[in-house]
Structure formats: structure tokens, C-alpha cells
Amino acid sequence: MPQILFYESMLQPRQVDEDYTAEAAAARAAGMDVHLLDWSALVDAGDVTRAVRRVPEQTHPTLAVLRGSMLRVETYAQLYAALLVRGVRLISDPAAYEHTHHLPASLDLIAEMTPLTVVHPLSAGASLSLDRLAELLQPFDDGPIIVKDYVKSRKHEWTEACFIPNAADTEAAARVIQTFCGRQGADLVGGLVFRAFEPFVAVGTHPRSGTPLTKEYRLWWLDGTCIAAIPHWDEVAYHGDGPPIAPFAHVARQVCSRFFTMDVAERTDGIWRIVELGDGQVAWADAQVDLAAFYAALGAIQ
């Protein structure tokens, strides 16, 4: 049975972060030990030794599952190494974490079931000429696209920094991309990812940002088995059937990770598509997840 590692509260040291108190209770109810990591030491101070100080040293190799916010790949690798020194091994090694956390790393696996995607490595602060941008966007013709980095989009700034209505309008595309890059700033991860905007089933608009919401689900996979399938958006009601699991299982079995998420969405022609993968340790489990069943599944792994 693995340990579960949460970040401690910024307001109440030695207590689980407030967003994860329900998960911690479910983990303990399932019989798992819960230990704390120091987010501020890890991310703000870069002191990984201090960050893991509350995790007990083990005399025998012990499996652990992290539950908390996303980390940069390099920070995750440092955390993984520091925990190994204490005899604790996270369920995802750094290669597995990057494989699911960075879209380009798993793109070959999901290419046939995901929108057309073009990747362009780019450092934060670097520029992209109009001629080069036109080359990158040529595969999309004059179709609509979105722009994101290797990990995140700015979907809640839909018209300003995410959606490009016409990929052939290079100057208009450049304005959206420049806004996206400017707002990401030093948080830009990897570079630019351009994706065809496919017609997914609409379920409404986000009540605060106005972002168009589509019929999207998050599938949680553990050792090749789907342990949960939940609506991605809890702000709106979904109608109709949820996603079929079987068509995605063969892809899931090829993913180089024991514990990950797969976001899927239904197209208006009824075909379900993969949006992206994510590491299961840093994916948010909202109120619609059956935490008792979720932690029972985690508690059964070896």
C-alpha cells in the first residue's frame, strides 16, 4: 500500500493544504499513511531537502503517490531524487511524469485520436517571425486553431490569448500568440503548440470567463485500468451518454506511466477524441470524483 504525499497548508503548518483535506481523509480511511511536503521550500526557495523533511525515512523501498499542484519537469525530478534518498519512490519516475505532463512527449501515441497538432520549441522571451509562423500554420489552411504551451493554454482568455479563428491570417494569429506569450512570461513551458479547433459538442460557456465549454471528460487510468470517468466541467450540466472507455484502452496501455489522466471530448459527429494526457498525481480531482473508490484503487497498488 503506497504512502500519499500532500503539500502542507500555507496557513496552518503541519496540516494538509485546504484544497486536499477531503482527499487526505479518504486516503486515511483507506488505510494509507499521509505525509506532508513543503511547497514553499520546493518551488519558491528551491530547497528540496527542506521540502521533504516531514517524510519519514524508510528502511525498505516504499511506494508513494503525490497529490497536489503541477510542477515543472525539472522540479519534479529534484523532488523524485530527494524522496529516493529517504527510501520513498513516487509512482511516476521523471520520464513518466514528462511523458504525460508535456503534450509533445506523448503526441505520437495519441496522434490518430487527437486534433492535428504542430509543435514549435521556443524559449520564454524569444520571438517568432511572421514568415516562420506562416510556415508553422500552413498545415491548418484557413481553419480555426488554438495556441498553448507544452502544458497549459490560456483558455479563460479565449479571444485574446487562445483562439485563432483563421490560421491563414498570419498577422491576426501573431497578435494572439504574442498576447499568449506575454501573459505566460517566464512560465512558458517548452514552446508553442498549435492545435486544430475541432467542433466538439457544446455544453455552455464558463460563467466567469465566457470560455466556450465542450462535452469533455477526464478519464483516470491506473495500471491500464480506468478507475474514474468524470465530467471535466462542473459549471454546467452534461446531457447524453458519457465516453466509451474501450476505444481509449489500447492507447492507455501504451502510455509510459502507471497513473495518468486522459481528457477526452465528443465531436459533433459523435466521435470521441483525446484532448491530452496528464500525470495523475498533479491532476485535480474535483467534487464529482468518488474519493472512497478512488483511494481504494490507489491503496490496492503494489
C-alpha atoms as a PDB file:
ATOM      1  CA  MET A   1       0.000   0.000   0.000  1.00  0.00           C
ATOM      2  CA  PRO A   2       1.540   3.359  -1.012  1.00  0.00           C
ATOM      3  CA  GLN A   3       2.003   6.447   1.068  1.00  0.00           C
ATOM      4  CA  ILE A   4       0.146   9.562  -0.073  1.00  0.00           C
ATOM      5  CA  LEU A   5       2.052  12.852  -0.118  1.00  0.00           C
ATOM      6  CA  PHE A   6       0.252  16.191   0.042  1.00  0.00           C
ATOM      7  CA  TYR A   7       1.562  19.743   0.340  1.00  0.00           C
ATOM      8  CA  GLU A   8       1.111  21.314   3.731  1.00  0.00           C
ATOM      9  CA  SER A   9      -1.128  24.311   4.253  1.00  0.00           C
ATOM     10  CA  MET A  10       0.437  27.746   3.849  1.00  0.00           C
ATOM     11  CA  LEU A  11      -1.767  28.962   6.696  1.00  0.00           C
ATOM     12  CA  GLN A  12      -1.563  26.020   9.079  1.00  0.00           C
ATOM     13  CA  PRO A  13       1.834  24.295   9.137  1.00  0.00           C
ATOM     14  CA  ARG A  14       1.725  20.514   9.627  1.00  0.00           C
ATOM     15  CA  GLN A  15      -1.798  20.433   8.177  1.00  0.00           C
ATOM     16  CA  VAL A  16      -2.799  19.296   4.685  1.00  0.00           C
ATOM     17  CA  ASP A  17      -3.421  22.044   2.138  1.00  0.00           C
ATOM     18  CA  GLU A  18      -7.055  23.106   2.469  1.00  0.00           C
ATOM     19  CA  ASP A  19      -7.920  22.062  -1.098  1.00  0.00           C
ATOM     20  CA  TYR A  20      -6.934  18.464  -0.309  1.00  0.00           C
ATOM     21  CA  THR A  21      -8.414  17.851   3.147  1.00  0.00           C
ATOM     22  CA  ALA A  22     -11.177  15.633   1.732  1.00  0.00           C
ATOM     23  CA  GLU A  23      -8.632  13.595  -0.210  1.00  0.00           C
ATOM     24  CA  ALA A  24      -6.419  13.213   2.846  1.00  0.00           C
ATOM     25  CA  ALA A  25      -9.392  11.965   4.855  1.00  0.00           C
ATOM     26  CA  ALA A  26     -10.243   9.460   2.104  1.00  0.00           C
ATOM     27  CA  ALA A  27      -6.626   8.256   1.960  1.00  0.00           C
ATOM     28  CA  ARG A  28      -6.519   7.714   5.723  1.00  0.00           C
ATOM     29  CA  ALA A  29      -9.894   5.952   5.631  1.00  0.00           C
ATOM     30  CA  ALA A  30      -8.435   3.600   3.031  1.00  0.00           C
ATOM     31  CA  GLY A  31      -5.620   2.761   5.456  1.00  0.00           C
ATOM     32  CA  MET A  32      -2.836   4.764   3.820  1.00  0.00           C
ATOM     33  CA  ASP A  33      -0.210   6.844   5.587  1.00  0.00           C
ATOM     34  CA  VAL A  34      -0.330  10.540   4.734  1.00  0.00           C
ATOM     35  CA  HIS A  35       2.780  12.744   4.838  1.00  0.00           C
ATOM     36  CA  LEU A  36       3.463  16.372   4.006  1.00  0.00           C
ATOM     37  CA  LEU A  37       5.705  18.220   1.577  1.00  0.00           C
ATOM     38  CA  ASP A  38       6.637  21.887   1.837  1.00  0.00           C
ATOM     39  CA  TRP A  39       5.522  23.645  -1.370  1.00  0.00           C
ATOM     40  CA  SER A  40       7.174  26.946  -0.480  1.00  0.00           C
ATOM     41  CA  ALA A  41      10.535  25.295   0.154  1.00  0.00           C
ATOM     42  CA  LEU A  42      10.284  23.234  -3.032  1.00  0.00           C
ATOM     43  CA  VAL A  43       9.010  25.824  -5.505  1.00  0.00           C
ATOM     44  CA  ASP A  44       9.752  29.242  -4.023  1.00  0.00           C
ATOM     45  CA  ALA A  45      13.076  28.562  -2.272  1.00  0.00           C
ATOM     46  CA  GLY A  46      14.309  25.661  -4.391  1.00  0.00           C
ATOM     47  CA  ASP A  47      15.312  23.828  -1.200  1.00  0.00           C
ATOM     48  CA  VAL A  48      14.249  20.265  -1.979  1.00  0.00           C
ATOM     49  CA  THR A  49      15.871  18.806   1.139  1.00  0.00           C
ATOM     50  CA  ARG A  50      13.757  21.063   3.329  1.00  0.00           C
ATOM     51  CA  ALA A  51      10.706  20.314   1.191  1.00  0.00           C
ATOM     52  CA  VAL A  52      10.804  16.588   2.051  1.00  0.00           C
ATOM     53  CA  ARG A  53      11.860  16.877   5.696  1.00  0.00           C
ATOM     54  CA  ARG A  54       8.458  15.745   7.027  1.00  0.00           C
ATOM     55  CA  VAL A  55       8.501  12.500   5.005  1.00  0.00           C
ATOM     56  CA  PRO A  56       9.845   9.733   7.279  1.00  0.00           C
ATOM     57  CA  GLU A  57      12.925   7.848   6.112  1.00  0.00           C
ATOM     58  CA  GLN A  58      12.183   4.235   5.187  1.00  0.00           C
ATOM     59  CA  THR A  59      14.337   1.183   5.845  1.00  0.00           C
ATOM     60  CA  HIS A  60      12.791  -0.594   2.834  1.00  0.00           C
ATOM     61  CA  PRO A  61      11.841   0.931  -0.557  1.00  0.00           C
ATOM     62  CA  THR A  62       8.348   2.417  -0.211  1.00  0.00           C
ATOM     63  CA  LEU A  63       5.974   3.467  -2.978  1.00  0.00           C
ATOM     64  CA  ALA A  64       4.272   6.872  -2.770  1.00  0.00           C
ATOM     65  CA  VAL A  65       1.735   8.890  -4.729  1.00  0.00           C
ATOM     66  CA  LEU A  66       1.898  12.672  -4.802  1.00  0.00           C
ATOM     67  CA  ARG A  67      -1.390  14.585  -4.801  1.00  0.00           C
ATOM     68  CA  GLY A  68      -1.036  18.304  -5.434  1.00  0.00           C
ATOM     69  CA  SER A  69      -0.344  21.079  -7.899  1.00  0.00           C
ATOM     70  CA  MET A  70       1.627  20.803 -11.133  1.00  0.00           C
ATOM     71  CA  LEU A  71       5.406  21.011 -11.010  1.00  0.00           C
ATOM     72  CA  ARG A  72       7.892  21.819 -13.734  1.00  0.00           C
ATOM     73  CA  VAL A  73       9.607  18.703 -15.021  1.00  0.00           C
ATOM     74  CA  GLU A  74      12.962  19.727 -13.567  1.00  0.00           C
ATOM     75  CA  THR A  75      11.430  20.441 -10.143  1.00  0.00           C
ATOM     76  CA  TYR A  76       9.627  17.107 -10.172  1.00  0.00           C
ATOM     77  CA  ALA A  77      12.919  15.344 -10.964  1.00  0.00           C
ATOM     78  CA  GLN A  78      14.559  17.028  -7.967  1.00  0.00           C
ATOM     79  CA  LEU A  79      11.668  16.005  -5.722  1.00  0.00           C
ATOM     80  CA  TYR A  80      11.798  12.431  -7.014  1.00  0.00           C
ATOM     81  CA  ALA A  81      15.535  12.196  -6.294  1.00  0.00           C
ATOM     82  CA  ALA A  82      15.215  13.708  -2.795  1.00  0.00           C
ATOM     83  CA  LEU A  83      12.481  11.232  -1.872  1.00  0.00           C
ATOM     84  CA  LEU A  84      14.559   8.311  -3.144  1.00  0.00           C
ATOM     85  CA  VAL A  85      17.264   9.289  -0.655  1.00  0.00           C
ATOM     86  CA  ARG A  86      14.635   8.793   2.059  1.00  0.00           C
ATOM     87  CA  GLY A  87      13.639   5.385   0.655  1.00  0.00           C
ATOM     88  CA  VAL A  88      10.442   6.671  -0.964  1.00  0.00           C
ATOM     89  CA  ARG A  89       9.725   6.202  -4.682  1.00  0.00           C
ATOM     90  CA  LEU A  90       6.994   8.187  -6.410  1.00  0.00           C
ATOM     91  CA  ILE A  91       4.730   6.153  -8.684  1.00  0.00           C
ATOM     92  CA  SER A  92       5.865   8.182 -11.717  1.00  0.00           C
ATOM     93  CA  ASP A  93       9.589   8.499 -12.368  1.00  0.00           C
ATOM     94  CA  PRO A  94      10.701  11.765 -14.037  1.00  0.00           C
ATOM     95  CA  ALA A  95      10.474  10.256 -17.544  1.00  0.00           C
ATOM     96  CA  ALA A  96       6.918   9.053 -16.917  1.00  0.00           C
ATOM     97  CA  TYR A  97       5.976  12.439 -15.483  1.00  0.00           C
ATOM     98  CA  GLU A  98       7.259  14.290 -18.551  1.00  0.00           C
ATOM     99  CA  HIS A  99       5.656  11.727 -20.878  1.00  0.00           C
ATOM    100  CA  THR A 100       2.184  12.666 -19.694  1.00  0.00           C
ATOM    101  CA  HIS A 101       2.748  16.234 -18.470  1.00  0.00           C
ATOM    102  CA  HIS A 102       4.212  17.610 -21.734  1.00  0.00           C
ATOM    103  CA  LEU A 103       1.847  17.205 -24.676  1.00  0.00           C
ATOM    104  CA  PRO A 104       4.619  16.769 -27.300  1.00  0.00           C
ATOM    105  CA  ALA A 105       6.104  13.864 -25.324  1.00  0.00           C
ATOM    106  CA  SER A 106       3.021  11.692 -25.846  1.00  0.00           C
ATOM    107  CA  LEU A 107       1.827  13.146 -29.152  1.00  0.00           C
ATOM    108  CA  ASP A 108       2.944  10.186 -31.257  1.00  0.00           C
ATOM    109  CA  LEU A 109       0.819   7.830 -29.147  1.00  0.00           C
ATOM    110  CA  ILE A 110      -2.387   9.838 -29.441  1.00  0.00           C
ATOM    111  CA  ALA A 111      -1.875  11.385 -32.898  1.00  0.00           C
ATOM    112  CA  GLU A 112      -4.619   9.390 -34.629  1.00  0.00           C
ATOM    113  CA  MET A 113      -7.181  10.243 -31.947  1.00  0.00           C
ATOM    114  CA  THR A 114      -6.369  13.898 -31.279  1.00  0.00           C
ATOM    115  CA  PRO A 115      -6.675  17.142 -33.294  1.00  0.00           C
ATOM    116  CA  LEU A 116      -3.929  17.998 -35.780  1.00  0.00           C
ATOM    117  CA  THR A 117      -1.038  19.439 -33.786  1.00  0.00           C
ATOM    118  CA  VAL A 118       2.118  21.394 -34.678  1.00  0.00           C
ATOM    119  CA  VAL A 119       4.850  21.916 -32.066  1.00  0.00           C
ATOM    120  CA  HIS A 120       7.474  24.662 -32.121  1.00  0.00           C
ATOM    121  CA  PRO A 121      10.074  24.777 -29.311  1.00  0.00           C
ATOM    122  CA  LEU A 122      10.501  28.338 -28.082  1.00  0.00           C
ATOM    123  CA  SER A 123      12.216  29.853 -25.072  1.00  0.00           C
ATOM    124  CA  ALA A 124      10.398  32.359 -22.900  1.00  0.00           C
ATOM    125  CA  GLY A 125      11.006  35.835 -24.317  1.00  0.00           C
ATOM    126  CA  ALA A 126      12.069  34.614 -27.779  1.00  0.00           C
ATOM    127  CA  SER A 127      10.327  35.916 -30.892  1.00  0.00           C
ATOM    128  CA  LEU A 128       8.834  34.251 -33.958  1.00  0.00           C
ATOM    129  CA  SER A 129       8.939  35.882 -37.409  1.00  0.00           C
ATOM    130  CA  LEU A 130       5.775  36.178 -39.499  1.00  0.00           C
ATOM    131  CA  ASP A 131       7.343  34.077 -42.255  1.00  0.00           C
ATOM    132  CA  ARG A 132       8.195  31.270 -39.837  1.00  0.00           C
ATOM    133  CA  LEU A 133       4.745  31.497 -38.255  1.00  0.00           C
ATOM    134  CA  ALA A 134       3.124  31.175 -41.684  1.00  0.00           C
ATOM    135  CA  GLU A 135       5.150  28.003 -42.300  1.00  0.00           C
ATOM    136  CA  LEU A 136       4.090  26.525 -38.965  1.00  0.00           C
ATOM    137  CA  LEU A 137       0.412  27.270 -39.552  1.00  0.00           C
ATOM    138  CA  GLN A 138       0.299  26.123 -43.184  1.00  0.00           C
ATOM    139  CA  PRO A 139      -0.963  22.577 -42.306  1.00  0.00           C
ATOM    140  CA  PHE A 140      -4.139  24.116 -40.868  1.00  0.00           C
ATOM    141  CA  ASP A 141      -5.029  26.021 -44.089  1.00  0.00           C
ATOM    142  CA  ASP A 142      -7.628  28.630 -43.104  1.00  0.00           C
ATOM    143  CA  GLY A 143      -9.176  26.613 -40.283  1.00  0.00           C
ATOM    144  CA  PRO A 144      -9.531  27.706 -36.667  1.00  0.00           C
ATOM    145  CA  ILE A 145      -6.827  26.747 -34.163  1.00  0.00           C
ATOM    146  CA  ILE A 146      -5.805  27.302 -30.570  1.00  0.00           C
ATOM    147  CA  VAL A 147      -2.369  28.093 -29.149  1.00  0.00           C
ATOM    148  CA  LYS A 148      -0.912  26.758 -25.890  1.00  0.00           C
ATOM    149  CA  ASP A 149       2.469  25.774 -24.493  1.00  0.00           C
ATOM    150  CA  TYR A 150       3.590  22.236 -23.696  1.00  0.00           C
ATOM    151  CA  VAL A 151       1.413  22.166 -20.569  1.00  0.00           C
ATOM    152  CA  LYS A 152      -1.176  24.945 -20.449  1.00  0.00           C
ATOM    153  CA  SER A 153      -3.385  27.144 -22.557  1.00  0.00           C
ATOM    154  CA  ARG A 154      -4.965  30.420 -21.515  1.00  0.00           C
ATOM    155  CA  LYS A 155      -8.464  29.193 -22.349  1.00  0.00           C
ATOM    156  CA  HIS A 156     -10.054  31.564 -19.879  1.00  0.00           C
ATOM    157  CA  GLU A 157      -8.685  34.422 -22.012  1.00  0.00           C
ATOM    158  CA  TRP A 158     -10.234  32.812 -25.058  1.00  0.00           C
ATOM    159  CA  THR A 159     -10.322  35.566 -27.667  1.00  0.00           C
ATOM    160  CA  GLU A 160      -7.212  37.425 -26.533  1.00  0.00           C
ATOM    161  CA  ALA A 161      -4.694  34.646 -25.880  1.00  0.00           C
ATOM    162  CA  CYS A 162      -6.016  31.273 -27.030  1.00  0.00           C
ATOM    163  CA  PHE A 163      -8.355  31.053 -30.038  1.00  0.00           C
ATOM    164  CA  ILE A 164      -7.284  31.940 -33.580  1.00  0.00           C
ATOM    165  CA  PRO A 165     -10.297  31.913 -35.979  1.00  0.00           C
ATOM    166  CA  ASN A 166      -8.277  31.697 -39.204  1.00  0.00           C
ATOM    167  CA  ALA A 167      -4.828  30.104 -39.303  1.00  0.00           C
ATOM    168  CA  ALA A 168      -4.174  31.701 -42.694  1.00  0.00           C
ATOM    169  CA  ASP A 169      -4.463  35.210 -41.244  1.00  0.00           C
ATOM    170  CA  THR A 170      -0.873  35.311 -40.030  1.00  0.00           C
ATOM    171  CA  GLU A 171      -0.921  38.832 -38.644  1.00  0.00           C
ATOM    172  CA  ALA A 172      -4.060  38.218 -36.588  1.00  0.00           C
ATOM    173  CA  ALA A 173      -2.608  34.907 -35.388  1.00  0.00           C
ATOM    174  CA  ALA A 174       0.612  36.655 -34.400  1.00  0.00           C
ATOM    175  CA  ARG A 175      -1.309  39.076 -32.189  1.00  0.00           C
ATOM    176  CA  VAL A 176      -2.984  36.257 -30.267  1.00  0.00           C
ATOM    177  CA  ILE A 177       0.310  34.370 -29.960  1.00  0.00           C
ATOM    178  CA  GLN A 178       2.157  37.474 -28.779  1.00  0.00           C
ATOM    179  CA  THR A 179      -0.507  38.049 -26.135  1.00  0.00           C
ATOM    180  CA  PHE A 180      -0.301  34.420 -25.050  1.00  0.00           C
ATOM    181  CA  CYS A 181       3.491  34.518 -24.767  1.00  0.00           C
ATOM    182  CA  GLY A 182       3.461  37.849 -22.979  1.00  0.00           C
ATOM    183  CA  ARG A 183       0.986  36.670 -20.376  1.00  0.00           C
ATOM    184  CA  GLN A 184       2.770  33.346 -19.867  1.00  0.00           C
ATOM    185  CA  GLY A 185       6.041  35.215 -19.434  1.00  0.00           C
ATOM    186  CA  ALA A 186       8.667  33.140 -17.647  1.00  0.00           C
ATOM    187  CA  ASP A 187       6.020  30.448 -17.047  1.00  0.00           C
ATOM    188  CA  LEU A 188       6.052  29.477 -20.739  1.00  0.00           C
ATOM    189  CA  VAL A 189       6.880  25.752 -20.817  1.00  0.00           C
ATOM    190  CA  GLY A 190       8.744  24.216 -23.760  1.00  0.00           C
ATOM    191  CA  GLY A 191       7.412  26.327 -26.575  1.00  0.00           C
ATOM    192  CA  LEU A 192       4.304  26.790 -28.682  1.00  0.00           C
ATOM    193  CA  VAL A 193       1.724  24.137 -29.532  1.00  0.00           C
ATOM    194  CA  PHE A 194      -0.812  24.852 -32.270  1.00  0.00           C
ATOM    195  CA  ARG A 195      -3.889  22.622 -32.410  1.00  0.00           C
ATOM    196  CA  ALA A 196      -6.764  22.381 -34.854  1.00  0.00           C
ATOM    197  CA  PHE A 197     -10.015  23.554 -33.286  1.00  0.00           C
ATOM    198  CA  GLU A 198     -12.393  20.661 -33.832  1.00  0.00           C
ATOM    199  CA  PRO A 199     -16.193  21.026 -33.477  1.00  0.00           C
ATOM    200  CA  PHE A 200     -16.819  19.416 -30.098  1.00  0.00           C
ATOM    201  CA  VAL A 201     -20.303  19.225 -28.600  1.00  0.00           C
ATOM    202  CA  ALA A 202     -21.053  22.491 -26.796  1.00  0.00           C
ATOM    203  CA  VAL A 203     -22.409  22.383 -23.243  1.00  0.00           C
ATOM    204  CA  GLY A 204     -22.390  26.118 -22.475  1.00  0.00           C
ATOM    205  CA  THR A 205     -19.997  28.919 -21.595  1.00  0.00           C
ATOM    206  CA  HIS A 206     -17.905  29.462 -18.488  1.00  0.00           C
ATOM    207  CA  PRO A 207     -19.862  31.761 -16.139  1.00  0.00           C
ATOM    208  CA  ARG A 208     -16.846  33.946 -15.332  1.00  0.00           C
ATOM    209  CA  SER A 209     -14.546  33.932 -18.361  1.00  0.00           C
ATOM    210  CA  GLY A 210     -17.032  33.274 -21.163  1.00  0.00           C
ATOM    211  CA  THR A 211     -14.874  30.421 -22.480  1.00  0.00           C
ATOM    212  CA  PRO A 212     -16.912  28.010 -24.630  1.00  0.00           C
ATOM    213  CA  LEU A 213     -17.305  24.731 -22.758  1.00  0.00           C
ATOM    214  CA  THR A 214     -17.473  21.397 -24.545  1.00  0.00           C
ATOM    215  CA  LYS A 215     -18.561  17.878 -23.609  1.00  0.00           C
ATOM    216  CA  GLU A 216     -15.260  16.811 -22.129  1.00  0.00           C
ATOM    217  CA  TYR A 217     -14.489  14.110 -19.592  1.00  0.00           C
ATOM    218  CA  ARG A 218     -11.424  13.214 -17.577  1.00  0.00           C
ATOM    219  CA  LEU A 219     -10.521   9.526 -17.501  1.00  0.00           C
ATOM    220  CA  TRP A 220      -8.226   8.391 -14.693  1.00  0.00           C
ATOM    221  CA  TRP A 221      -6.025   5.408 -15.526  1.00  0.00           C
ATOM    222  CA  LEU A 222      -4.142   3.252 -13.027  1.00  0.00           C
ATOM    223  CA  ASP A 223      -2.037   0.338 -14.288  1.00  0.00           C
ATOM    224  CA  GLY A 224      -4.043   0.208 -17.508  1.00  0.00           C
ATOM    225  CA  THR A 225      -7.480   0.281 -15.859  1.00  0.00           C
ATOM    226  CA  CYS A 226      -9.827   3.262 -15.940  1.00  0.00           C
ATOM    227  CA  ILE A 227     -10.687   3.930 -12.283  1.00  0.00           C
ATOM    228  CA  ALA A 228     -12.843   7.055 -12.827  1.00  0.00           C
ATOM    229  CA  ALA A 229     -14.554   8.961 -15.633  1.00  0.00           C
ATOM    230  CA  ILE A 230     -15.897  12.373 -14.644  1.00  0.00           C
ATOM    231  CA  PRO A 231     -17.192  15.477 -16.462  1.00  0.00           C
ATOM    232  CA  HIS A 232     -14.369  17.972 -16.936  1.00  0.00           C
ATOM    233  CA  TRP A 233     -16.602  20.974 -16.233  1.00  0.00           C
ATOM    234  CA  ASP A 234     -18.758  21.176 -13.127  1.00  0.00           C
ATOM    235  CA  GLU A 235     -20.115  24.618 -14.006  1.00  0.00           C
ATOM    236  CA  VAL A 236     -22.646  23.199 -16.487  1.00  0.00           C
ATOM    237  CA  ALA A 237     -24.873  20.129 -16.854  1.00  0.00           C
ATOM    238  CA  TYR A 238     -23.977  17.455 -19.390  1.00  0.00           C
ATOM    239  CA  HIS A 239     -26.566  15.581 -21.436  1.00  0.00           C
ATOM    240  CA  GLY A 240     -26.362  12.232 -23.189  1.00  0.00           C
ATOM    241  CA  ASP A 241     -24.016   9.340 -22.605  1.00  0.00           C
ATOM    242  CA  GLY A 242     -20.510   9.614 -21.247  1.00  0.00           C
ATOM    243  CA  PRO A 243     -17.426   8.494 -23.153  1.00  0.00           C
ATOM    244  CA  PRO A 244     -16.865   4.894 -24.221  1.00  0.00           C
ATOM    245  CA  ILE A 245     -13.842   3.507 -22.407  1.00  0.00           C
ATOM    246  CA  ALA A 246     -12.840   0.626 -24.693  1.00  0.00           C
ATOM    247  CA  PRO A 247     -11.676   2.749 -27.683  1.00  0.00           C
ATOM    248  CA  PHE A 248      -9.170   4.522 -25.443  1.00  0.00           C
ATOM    249  CA  ALA A 249      -7.898   1.458 -23.586  1.00  0.00           C
ATOM    250  CA  HIS A 250      -5.416   0.412 -26.274  1.00  0.00           C
ATOM    251  CA  VAL A 251      -3.840   3.866 -26.163  1.00  0.00           C
ATOM    252  CA  ALA A 252      -3.800   3.862 -22.369  1.00  0.00           C
ATOM    253  CA  ARG A 253      -1.888   0.578 -22.339  1.00  0.00           C
ATOM    254  CA  GLN A 254       0.884   2.174 -24.406  1.00  0.00           C
ATOM    255  CA  VAL A 255       1.320   5.227 -22.185  1.00  0.00           C
ATOM    256  CA  CYS A 256       4.595   5.056 -20.268  1.00  0.00           C
ATOM    257  CA  SER A 257       3.035   5.794 -16.888  1.00  0.00           C
ATOM    258  CA  ARG A 258       1.217   3.813 -14.214  1.00  0.00           C
ATOM    259  CA  PHE A 259      -1.044   6.668 -13.112  1.00  0.00           C
ATOM    260  CA  PHE A 260      -2.294   9.330 -15.502  1.00  0.00           C
ATOM    261  CA  THR A 261      -5.325  11.161 -16.820  1.00  0.00           C
ATOM    262  CA  MET A 262      -6.736  11.305 -20.324  1.00  0.00           C
ATOM    263  CA  ASP A 263      -9.056  14.166 -21.225  1.00  0.00           C
ATOM    264  CA  VAL A 264     -11.497  13.206 -23.982  1.00  0.00           C
ATOM    265  CA  ALA A 265     -14.237  15.158 -25.767  1.00  0.00           C
ATOM    266  CA  GLU A 266     -17.137  14.292 -28.052  1.00  0.00           C
ATOM    267  CA  ARG A 267     -17.138  15.815 -31.520  1.00  0.00           C
ATOM    268  CA  THR A 268     -20.421  16.960 -33.076  1.00  0.00           C
ATOM    269  CA  ASP A 269     -20.308  13.929 -35.397  1.00  0.00           C
ATOM    270  CA  GLY A 270     -20.383  11.626 -32.358  1.00  0.00           C
ATOM    271  CA  ILE A 271     -16.698  10.647 -32.495  1.00  0.00           C
ATOM    272  CA  TRP A 272     -14.781  10.856 -29.219  1.00  0.00           C
ATOM    273  CA  ARG A 273     -11.303  12.369 -29.356  1.00  0.00           C
ATOM    274  CA  ILE A 274      -8.356  12.600 -26.974  1.00  0.00           C
ATOM    275  CA  VAL A 275      -7.620  16.176 -25.919  1.00  0.00           C
ATOM    276  CA  GLU A 276      -4.475  15.498 -23.886  1.00  0.00           C
ATOM    277  CA  LEU A 277      -2.886  13.385 -21.186  1.00  0.00           C
ATOM    278  CA  GLY A 278      -1.754  14.444 -17.721  1.00  0.00           C
ATOM    279  CA  ASP A 279       0.146  12.997 -14.789  1.00  0.00           C
ATOM    280  CA  GLY A 280      -2.379  11.591 -12.315  1.00  0.00           C
ATOM    281  CA  GLN A 281      -0.527  12.941  -9.305  1.00  0.00           C
ATOM    282  CA  VAL A 282      -0.966  16.587 -10.259  1.00  0.00           C
ATOM    283  CA  ALA A 283      -4.425  16.422 -11.872  1.00  0.00           C
ATOM    284  CA  TRP A 284      -7.239  17.974  -9.872  1.00  0.00           C
ATOM    285  CA  ALA A 285      -9.888  15.535  -8.631  1.00  0.00           C
ATOM    286  CA  ASP A 286     -12.998  17.692  -8.276  1.00  0.00           C
ATOM    287  CA  ALA A 287     -16.082  17.092  -6.183  1.00  0.00           C
ATOM    288  CA  GLN A 288     -17.513  14.655  -8.725  1.00  0.00           C
ATOM    289  CA  VAL A 289     -14.817  12.049  -8.029  1.00  0.00           C
ATOM    290  CA  ASP A 290     -15.867   9.222  -5.698  1.00  0.00           C
ATOM    291  CA  LEU A 291     -12.929   9.634  -3.345  1.00  0.00           C
ATOM    292  CA  ALA A 292     -13.610   6.423  -1.448  1.00  0.00           C
ATOM    293  CA  ALA A 293     -13.413   4.363  -4.646  1.00  0.00           C
ATOM    294  CA  PHE A 294     -10.507   6.460  -5.942  1.00  0.00           C
ATOM    295  CA  TYR A 295      -8.358   5.857  -2.867  1.00  0.00           C
ATOM    296  CA  ALA A 296      -9.423   2.233  -2.610  1.00  0.00           C
ATOM    297  CA  ALA A 297      -7.926   1.768  -6.099  1.00  0.00           C
ATOM    298  CA  LEU A 298      -4.736   3.612  -5.130  1.00  0.00           C
ATOM    299  CA  GLY A 299      -4.481   1.645  -1.929  1.00  0.00           C
ATOM    300  CA  ALA A 300      -4.504  -1.658  -3.828  1.00  0.00           C
ATOM    301  CA  ILE A 301      -1.402  -0.954  -5.909  1.00  0.00           C
ATOM    302  CA  GLN A 302       1.960  -2.522  -5.186  1.00  0.00           C
END
